[in-house]
C-alpha atoms as a PDB file:
ATOM      1  CA  MET A   1     -17.174  11.928 -16.692  1.00  0.00           C
ATOM      2  CA  GLN A   2     -17.338   8.122 -16.743  1.00  0.00           C
ATOM      3  CA  SER A   3     -18.360   6.437 -13.482  1.00  0.00           C
ATOM      4  CA  VAL A   4     -15.615   4.271 -11.991  1.00  0.00           C
ATOM      5  CA  SER A   5     -15.907   2.357  -8.750  1.00  0.00           C
ATOM      6  CA  VAL A   6     -13.070   1.070  -6.595  1.00  0.00           C
ATOM      7  CA  VAL A   7     -15.525   0.211  -3.800  1.00  0.00           C
ATOM      8  CA  GLY A   8     -14.863  -3.190  -2.291  1.00  0.00           C
ATOM      9  CA  THR A   9     -12.291  -5.230  -0.459  1.00  0.00           C
ATOM     10  CA  TRP A  10      -9.095  -6.132  -2.266  1.00  0.00           C
ATOM     11  CA  ASN A  11      -6.409  -8.756  -1.545  1.00  0.00           C
ATOM     12  CA  LEU A  12      -2.747  -7.834  -2.160  1.00  0.00           C
ATOM     13  CA  ILE A  13      -1.168  -9.886  -4.971  1.00  0.00           C
ATOM     14  CA  SER A  14       2.037  -7.954  -5.697  1.00  0.00           C
ATOM     15  CA  ALA A  15       3.921  -4.940  -4.327  1.00  0.00           C
ATOM     16  CA  LYS A  16       7.036  -3.838  -6.121  1.00  0.00           C
ATOM     17  CA  ALA A  17       9.040  -0.747  -6.852  1.00  0.00           C
ATOM     18  CA  GLN A  18      10.952  -0.148 -10.074  1.00  0.00           C
ATOM     19  CA  ASN A  19      13.493   2.541 -10.909  1.00  0.00           C
ATOM     20  CA  PRO A  20      14.581   3.927 -14.314  1.00  0.00           C
ATOM     21  CA  ASN A  21      17.428   1.351 -14.432  1.00  0.00           C
ATOM     22  CA  ASP A  22      14.788  -1.429 -14.237  1.00  0.00           C
ATOM     23  CA  ASP A  23      15.951  -2.442 -10.756  1.00  0.00           C
ATOM     24  CA  VAL A  24      13.023  -4.059  -8.931  1.00  0.00           C
ATOM     25  CA  ILE A  25      12.392  -4.329  -5.196  1.00  0.00           C
ATOM     26  CA  HIS A  26       9.648  -6.614  -3.888  1.00  0.00           C
ATOM     27  CA  LEU A  27       8.582  -4.406  -0.991  1.00  0.00           C
ATOM     28  CA  TYR A  28       6.960  -7.149   1.105  1.00  0.00           C
ATOM     29  CA  GLY A  29       8.556 -10.218  -0.480  1.00  0.00           C
ATOM     30  CA  GLU A  30       7.434 -12.087  -3.578  1.00  0.00           C
ATOM     31  CA  ASP A  31       4.221 -13.316  -1.923  1.00  0.00           C
ATOM     32  CA  PRO A  32       2.985 -10.313   0.104  1.00  0.00           C
ATOM     33  CA  SER A  33      -0.055 -10.242   2.330  1.00  0.00           C
ATOM     34  CA  GLY A  34      -2.492  -7.392   2.717  1.00  0.00           C
ATOM     35  CA  MET A  35      -5.919  -5.910   2.257  1.00  0.00           C
ATOM     36  CA  LEU A  36      -7.266  -2.680   0.843  1.00  0.00           C
ATOM     37  CA  MET A  37     -10.823  -1.548   1.488  1.00  0.00           C
ATOM     38  CA  TYR A  38     -12.773   1.291  -0.073  1.00  0.00           C
ATOM     39  CA  ASP A  39     -16.315   1.758   1.225  1.00  0.00           C
ATOM     40  CA  ALA A  40     -19.218   3.519  -0.455  1.00  0.00           C
ATOM     41  CA  LYS A  41     -19.090   6.412   2.047  1.00  0.00           C
ATOM     42  CA  GLY A  42     -15.544   7.438   1.037  1.00  0.00           C
ATOM     43  CA  TYR A  43     -13.469   5.731   3.740  1.00  0.00           C
ATOM     44  CA  MET A  44     -10.456   3.534   3.057  1.00  0.00           C
ATOM     45  CA  PHE A  45      -7.745   1.507   4.758  1.00  0.00           C
ATOM     46  CA  ALA A  46      -4.697  -0.384   3.520  1.00  0.00           C
ATOM     47  CA  VAL A  47      -2.621  -3.001   5.335  1.00  0.00           C
ATOM     48  CA  LEU A  48       0.452  -4.516   3.674  1.00  0.00           C
ATOM     49  CA  MET A  49       3.048  -6.896   5.096  1.00  0.00           C
ATOM     50  CA  ARG A  50       5.779  -9.377   4.383  1.00  0.00           C
ATOM     51  CA  PRO A  51       4.643 -12.823   5.591  1.00  0.00           C
ATOM     52  CA  GLY A  52       6.987 -14.763   7.857  1.00  0.00           C
ATOM     53  CA  ARG A  53       8.247 -11.865   9.934  1.00  0.00           C
ATOM     54  CA  SER A  54      10.033 -13.118  13.047  1.00  0.00           C
ATOM     55  CA  ARG A  55       7.991 -13.330  16.215  1.00  0.00           C
ATOM     56  CA  PHE A  56       9.157 -11.427  19.295  1.00  0.00           C
ATOM     57  CA  VAL A  57      10.990 -13.969  21.491  1.00  0.00           C
ATOM     58  CA  SER A  58       9.515 -12.452  24.664  1.00  0.00           C
ATOM     59  CA  GLY A  59       5.952 -12.659  23.340  1.00  0.00           C
ATOM     60  CA  ASP A  60       5.472  -9.131  24.701  1.00  0.00           C
ATOM     61  CA  PRO A  61       4.179  -6.699  22.018  1.00  0.00           C
ATOM     62  CA  LEU A  62       5.889  -3.845  23.892  1.00  0.00           C
ATOM     63  CA  GLY A  63       9.064  -5.780  24.727  1.00  0.00           C
ATOM     64  CA  GLY A  64      10.756  -6.581  21.420  1.00  0.00           C
ATOM     65  CA  THR A  65      14.469  -6.206  20.890  1.00  0.00           C
ATOM     66  CA  SER A  66      15.708  -3.413  18.615  1.00  0.00           C
ATOM     67  CA  GLU A  67      16.258  -5.975  15.842  1.00  0.00           C
ATOM     68  CA  GLU A  68      12.765  -7.486  16.279  1.00  0.00           C
ATOM     69  CA  ILE A  69      11.133  -4.054  16.207  1.00  0.00           C
ATOM     70  CA  LYS A  70      13.135  -3.010  13.125  1.00  0.00           C
ATOM     71  CA  GLU A  71      12.163  -6.152  11.190  1.00  0.00           C
ATOM     72  CA  ALA A  72       8.514  -5.855  12.211  1.00  0.00           C
ATOM     73  CA  PHE A  73       8.413  -2.155  11.224  1.00  0.00           C
ATOM     74  CA  GLU A  74      10.186  -2.584   7.887  1.00  0.00           C
ATOM     75  CA  GLY A  75       7.985  -5.513   6.864  1.00  0.00           C
ATOM     76  CA  PHE A  76       4.677  -3.808   7.562  1.00  0.00           C
ATOM     77  CA  ASP A  77       2.696  -0.804   6.405  1.00  0.00           C
ATOM     78  CA  ALA A  78      -0.786   0.468   7.152  1.00  0.00           C
ATOM     79  CA  TYR A  79      -2.755   3.649   6.763  1.00  0.00           C
ATOM     80  CA  CYS A  80      -6.357   4.825   6.684  1.00  0.00           C
ATOM     81  CA  GLY A  81      -8.461   7.848   5.893  1.00  0.00           C
ATOM     82  CA  THR A  82     -10.842   8.985   3.194  1.00  0.00           C
ATOM     83  CA  TYR A  83     -10.520   8.834  -0.582  1.00  0.00           C
ATOM     84  CA  GLU A  84     -11.671  10.525  -3.793  1.00  0.00           C
ATOM     85  CA  VAL A  85     -11.700   9.064  -7.304  1.00  0.00           C
ATOM     86  CA  ASN A  86     -11.108  11.164 -10.419  1.00  0.00           C
ATOM     87  CA  ALA A  87     -12.372   8.904 -13.224  1.00  0.00           C
ATOM     88  CA  GLU A  88     -11.218  11.262 -15.970  1.00  0.00           C
ATOM     89  CA  LYS A  89      -7.607  11.348 -14.741  1.00  0.00           C
ATOM     90  CA  ARG A  90      -7.802   7.700 -13.549  1.00  0.00           C
ATOM     91  CA  THR A  91      -6.556   8.632 -10.105  1.00  0.00           C
ATOM     92  CA  VAL A  92      -7.572   7.922  -6.548  1.00  0.00           C
ATOM     93  CA  THR A  93      -6.390  10.251  -3.802  1.00  0.00           C
ATOM     94  CA  HIS A  94      -6.010   8.877  -0.289  1.00  0.00           C
ATOM     95  CA  HIS A  95      -6.472  11.605   2.339  1.00  0.00           C
ATOM     96  CA  VAL A  96      -4.389  10.003   5.091  1.00  0.00           C
ATOM     97  CA  LYS A  97      -5.609  10.346   8.671  1.00  0.00           C
ATOM     98  CA  ALA A  98      -3.354   7.757  10.365  1.00  0.00           C
ATOM     99  CA  SER A  99      -0.289   5.914   9.078  1.00  0.00           C
ATOM    100  CA  ARG A 100       2.543   3.638  10.194  1.00  0.00           C
ATOM    101  CA  PHE A 101       4.790   6.155   8.385  1.00  0.00           C
ATOM    102  CA  PRO A 102       4.313   9.397  10.347  1.00  0.00           C
ATOM    103  CA  ASN A 103       5.293  11.605   7.382  1.00  0.00           C
ATOM    104  CA  TRP A 104       2.070  10.587   5.598  1.00  0.00           C
ATOM    105  CA  GLU A 105      -0.288  11.691   8.384  1.00  0.00           C
ATOM    106  CA  GLY A 106      -2.392  14.594   7.141  1.00  0.00           C
ATOM    107  CA  THR A 107      -1.165  14.249   3.547  1.00  0.00           C
ATOM    108  CA  ASP A 108      -2.798  13.316   0.258  1.00  0.00           C
ATOM    109  CA  GLN A 109      -1.372  10.248  -1.461  1.00  0.00           C
ATOM    110  CA  LEU A 110      -2.148  10.186  -5.186  1.00  0.00           C
ATOM    111  CA  ARG A 111      -2.394   6.845  -6.978  1.00  0.00           C
ATOM    112  CA  TYR A 112      -2.958   6.156 -10.671  1.00  0.00           C
ATOM    113  CA  PHE A 113      -5.298   3.241 -11.232  1.00  0.00           C
ATOM    114  CA  GLU A 114      -6.294   0.777 -13.897  1.00  0.00           C
ATOM    115  CA  PHE A 115      -8.379  -2.366 -13.893  1.00  0.00           C
ATOM    116  CA  SER A 116      -7.461  -5.742 -15.370  1.00  0.00           C
ATOM    117  CA  GLY A 117     -10.373  -8.154 -14.923  1.00  0.00           C
ATOM    118  CA  ALA A 118     -10.954  -8.539 -11.166  1.00  0.00           C
ATOM    119  CA  ARG A 119      -7.657  -6.791 -10.425  1.00  0.00           C
ATOM    120  CA  LEU A 120      -6.992  -3.205  -9.445  1.00  0.00           C
ATOM    121  CA  ILE A 121      -3.516  -1.860 -10.228  1.00  0.00           C
ATOM    122  CA  LEU A 122      -2.382   1.203  -8.292  1.00  0.00           C
ATOM    123  CA  LYS A 123       0.816   3.093  -9.159  1.00  0.00           C
ATOM    124  CA  THR A 124       2.545   6.005  -7.493  1.00  0.00           C
ATOM    125  CA  ALA A 125       4.198   8.972  -9.097  1.00  0.00           C
ATOM    126  CA  PRO A 126       8.016   8.684  -8.894  1.00  0.00           C
ATOM    127  CA  ILE A 127       9.216   8.565  -5.275  1.00  0.00           C
ATOM    128  CA  PRO A 128      12.805   9.573  -4.410  1.00  0.00           C
ATOM    129  CA  ALA A 129      14.570   6.883  -2.347  1.00  0.00           C
ATOM    130  CA  LEU A 130      18.004   5.272  -2.186  1.00  0.00           C
ATOM    131  CA  GLY A 131      19.499   7.890  -4.523  1.00  0.00           C
ATOM    132  CA  THR A 132      17.044   7.378  -7.399  1.00  0.00           C
ATOM    133  CA  GLU A 133      13.318   7.555  -8.152  1.00  0.00           C
ATOM    134  CA  TRP A 134      10.973   4.587  -7.872  1.00  0.00           C
ATOM    135  CA  ILE A 135       7.464   3.908  -9.094  1.00  0.00           C
ATOM    136  CA  VAL A 136       5.587   1.615  -6.764  1.00  0.00           C
ATOM    137  CA  SER A 137       3.084  -0.723  -8.368  1.00  0.00           C
ATOM    138  CA  LEU A 138       0.526  -2.593  -6.262  1.00  0.00           C
ATOM    139  CA  ILE A 139      -1.727  -5.265  -7.705  1.00  0.00           C
ATOM    140  CA  TRP A 140      -4.908  -6.016  -5.781  1.00  0.00           C
ATOM    141  CA  GLU A 141      -7.501  -8.691  -6.533  1.00  0.00           C
ATOM    142  CA  GLN A 142     -11.124  -8.134  -5.607  1.00  0.00           C
ATOM    143  CA  MET A 143     -12.341 -10.448  -2.871  1.00  0.00           C
ATOM    144  CA  ALA A 144     -15.651 -12.211  -3.412  1.00  0.00           C
END
């Protein structure tokens, strides 16, 4: 089996979902912000967000309005855990310990990967949502 390393810190360049009708959703806007880190010991974290989310008027992190909380939640994602790479299948499996999305806690999230220069492209298997299936594609650029 060929040795493949995803170890490093990666900056989010693009995050979009596409369905079989070629509809595209930019999950965190057209200029998303985020970081992905894989360390040599097998730990990982991912943080993704839409820049420009509205600030809570009160300034209180526990005192947002329902609308402020909804916007903040929908424009942000994060999870962490451990990971395993299968170089032959070109997959990385994230063993999720903690997640903004509670349904992912304790699950394995499979991603297909490829490299393009200093970029790492991760894709999901089809995900059912909004009455169709979507493939999410994330492009990450290695940070120096």
